[in-house]
Amino acid sequence: MATISRKDVMCMAREANPWVWGIEFAKEGQEAK
């Protein structure tokens, strides 16, 4: 798992479940602020 980047994980999560991708996107937005 350590060899997989966070971006790859989010991409897989988005493909598996758009709802999960929405949560990850919201988290990234909060961290950016």
PDB file of N, CA and C in Angstrom:
ATOM      1  N   MET A   1       0.844  -1.201   0.000  1.00  0.00           N
ATOM      2  CA  MET A   1       0.000   0.000   0.000  1.00  0.00           C
ATOM      3  C   MET A   1       0.879   1.250   0.000  1.00  0.00           C
ATOM      4  N   ALA A   2       2.026   1.152   0.643  1.00  0.00           N
ATOM      5  CA  ALA A   2       2.916   2.306   0.747  1.00  0.00           C
ATOM      6  C   ALA A   2       3.470   2.702  -0.614  1.00  0.00           C
ATOM      7  N   THR A   3       3.513   1.725  -1.530  1.00  0.00           N
ATOM      8  CA  THR A   3       4.060   2.012  -2.853  1.00  0.00           C
ATOM      9  C   THR A   3       3.026   2.712  -3.744  1.00  0.00           C
ATOM     10  N   ILE A   4       1.771   2.756  -3.278  1.00  0.00           N
ATOM     11  CA  ILE A   4       0.712   3.413  -4.050  1.00  0.00           C
ATOM     12  C   ILE A   4       0.532   4.838  -3.528  1.00  0.00           C
ATOM     13  N   SER A   5       0.567   5.799  -4.431  1.00  0.00           N
ATOM     14  CA  SER A   5       0.434   7.196  -4.025  1.00  0.00           C
ATOM     15  C   SER A   5      -0.998   7.509  -3.598  1.00  0.00           C
ATOM     16  N   ARG A   6      -1.153   8.576  -2.841  1.00  0.00           N
ATOM     17  CA  ARG A   6      -2.487   8.981  -2.386  1.00  0.00           C
ATOM     18  C   ARG A   6      -3.376   9.291  -3.587  1.00  0.00           C
ATOM     19  N   LYS A   7      -2.777   9.880  -4.629  1.00  0.00           N
ATOM     20  CA  LYS A   7      -3.555  10.216  -5.826  1.00  0.00           C
ATOM     21  C   LYS A   7      -4.127   8.958  -6.461  1.00  0.00           C
ATOM     22  N   ASP A   8      -3.302   7.900  -6.521  1.00  0.00           N
ATOM     23  CA  ASP A   8      -3.784   6.643  -7.105  1.00  0.00           C
ATOM     24  C   ASP A   8      -4.923   6.071  -6.268  1.00  0.00           C
ATOM     25  N   VAL A   9      -4.784   6.180  -4.954  1.00  0.00           N
ATOM     26  CA  VAL A   9      -5.822   5.651  -4.070  1.00  0.00           C
ATOM     27  C   VAL A   9      -7.136   6.394  -4.300  1.00  0.00           C
ATOM     28  N   MET A  10      -7.050   7.709  -4.428  1.00  0.00           N
ATOM     29  CA  MET A  10      -8.267   8.497  -4.648  1.00  0.00           C
ATOM     30  C   MET A  10      -8.886   8.176  -6.000  1.00  0.00           C
ATOM     31  N   CYS A  11      -8.038   7.927  -6.995  1.00  0.00           N
ATOM     32  CA  CYS A  11      -8.554   7.579  -8.319  1.00  0.00           C
ATOM     33  C   CYS A  11      -9.320   6.265  -8.251  1.00  0.00           C
ATOM     34  N   MET A  12      -8.771   5.300  -7.543  1.00  0.00           N
ATOM     35  CA  MET A  12      -9.437   4.004  -7.422  1.00  0.00           C
ATOM     36  C   MET A  12     -10.735   4.159  -6.630  1.00  0.00           C
ATOM     37  N   ALA A  13     -10.689   4.989  -5.605  1.00  0.00           N
ATOM     38  CA  ALA A  13     -11.882   5.206  -4.787  1.00  0.00           C
ATOM     39  C   ALA A  13     -12.972   5.873  -5.612  1.00  0.00           C
ATOM     40  N   ARG A  14     -12.561   6.800  -6.473  1.00  0.00           N
ATOM     41  CA  ARG A  14     -13.533   7.495  -7.324  1.00  0.00           C
ATOM     42  C   ARG A  14     -14.199   6.513  -8.274  1.00  0.00           C
ATOM     43  N   GLU A  15     -13.408   5.609  -8.837  1.00  0.00           N
ATOM     44  CA  GLU A  15     -13.952   4.624  -9.765  1.00  0.00           C
ATOM     45  C   GLU A  15     -14.862   3.637  -9.036  1.00  0.00           C
ATOM     46  N   ALA A  16     -14.509   3.316  -7.796  1.00  0.00           N
ATOM     47  CA  ALA A  16     -15.279   2.338  -7.042  1.00  0.00           C
ATOM     48  C   ALA A  16     -16.546   2.965  -6.460  1.00  0.00           C
ATOM     49  N   ASN A  17     -16.442   4.226  -6.040  1.00  0.00           N
ATOM     50  CA  ASN A  17     -17.589   4.861  -5.396  1.00  0.00           C
ATOM     51  C   ASN A  17     -17.489   6.388  -5.499  1.00  0.00           C
ATOM     52  N   PRO A  18     -18.261   7.006  -6.400  1.00  0.00           N
ATOM     53  CA  PRO A  18     -18.235   8.462  -6.575  1.00  0.00           C
ATOM     54  C   PRO A  18     -18.514   9.213  -5.279  1.00  0.00           C
ATOM     55  N   TRP A  19     -19.293   8.612  -4.376  1.00  0.00           N
ATOM     56  CA  TRP A  19     -19.614   9.261  -3.107  1.00  0.00           C
ATOM     57  C   TRP A  19     -18.349   9.402  -2.257  1.00  0.00           C
ATOM     58  N   VAL A  20     -17.519   8.351  -2.275  1.00  0.00           N
ATOM     59  CA  VAL A  20     -16.259   8.390  -1.530  1.00  0.00           C
ATOM     60  C   VAL A  20     -15.357   9.466  -2.127  1.00  0.00           C
ATOM     61  N   TRP A  21     -15.324   9.551  -3.457  1.00  0.00           N
ATOM     62  CA  TRP A  21     -14.501  10.566  -4.129  1.00  0.00           C
ATOM     63  C   TRP A  21     -14.948  11.960  -3.692  1.00  0.00           C
ATOM     64  N   GLY A  22     -16.259  12.159  -3.544  1.00  0.00           N
ATOM     65  CA  GLY A  22     -16.780  13.460  -3.132  1.00  0.00           C
ATOM     66  C   GLY A  22     -16.255  13.834  -1.746  1.00  0.00           C
ATOM     67  N   ILE A  23     -16.187  12.851  -0.837  1.00  0.00           N
ATOM     68  CA  ILE A  23     -15.692  13.096   0.515  1.00  0.00           C
ATOM     69  C   ILE A  23     -14.204  13.447   0.464  1.00  0.00           C
ATOM     70  N   GLU A  24     -13.433  12.690  -0.299  1.00  0.00           N
ATOM     71  CA  GLU A  24     -11.993  12.951  -0.406  1.00  0.00           C
ATOM     72  C   GLU A  24     -11.758  14.334  -0.995  1.00  0.00           C
ATOM     73  N   PHE A  25     -12.554  14.714  -1.974  1.00  0.00           N
ATOM     74  CA  PHE A  25     -12.401  16.017  -2.615  1.00  0.00           C
ATOM     75  C   PHE A  25     -12.677  17.122  -1.599  1.00  0.00           C
ATOM     76  N   ALA A  26     -13.695  16.910  -0.752  1.00  0.00           N
ATOM     77  CA  ALA A  26     -14.036  17.897   0.271  1.00  0.00           C
ATOM     78  C   ALA A  26     -12.889  18.028   1.276  1.00  0.00           C
ATOM     79  N   LYS A  27     -12.277  16.899   1.642  1.00  0.00           N
ATOM     80  CA  LYS A  27     -11.164  16.917   2.593  1.00  0.00           C
ATOM     81  C   LYS A  27      -9.996  17.700   2.012  1.00  0.00           C
ATOM     82  N   GLU A  28      -9.689  17.457   0.734  1.00  0.00           N
ATOM     83  CA  GLU A  28      -8.584  18.158   0.081  1.00  0.00           C
ATOM     84  C   GLU A  28      -8.853  19.653   0.079  1.00  0.00           C
ATOM     85  N   GLY A  29     -10.101  20.035  -0.154  1.00  0.00           N
ATOM     86  CA  GLY A  29     -10.460  21.450  -0.180  1.00  0.00           C
ATOM     87  C   GLY A  29     -10.249  22.094   1.182  1.00  0.00           C
ATOM     88  N   GLN A  30     -10.601  21.367   2.247  1.00  0.00           N
ATOM     89  CA  GLN A  30     -10.438  21.902   3.598  1.00  0.00           C
ATOM     90  C   GLN A  30      -8.961  22.036   3.945  1.00  0.00           C
ATOM     91  N   GLU A  31      -8.141  21.052   3.518  1.00  0.00           N
ATOM     92  CA  GLU A  31      -6.717  21.082   3.825  1.00  0.00           C
ATOM     93  C   GLU A  31      -6.035  22.225   3.079  1.00  0.00           C
ATOM     94  N   ALA A  32      -6.549  22.566   1.908  1.00  0.00           N
ATOM     95  CA  ALA A  32      -5.942  23.608   1.089  1.00  0.00           C
ATOM     96  C   ALA A  32      -6.128  24.976   1.725  1.00  0.00           C
ATOM     97  N   LYS A  33      -7.214  25.150   2.476  1.00  0.00           N
ATOM     98  CA  LYS A  33      -7.491  26.453   3.082  1.00  0.00           C
ATOM     99  C   LYS A  33      -6.607  26.702   4.296  1.00  0.00           C
TER     100      LYS A  33
END
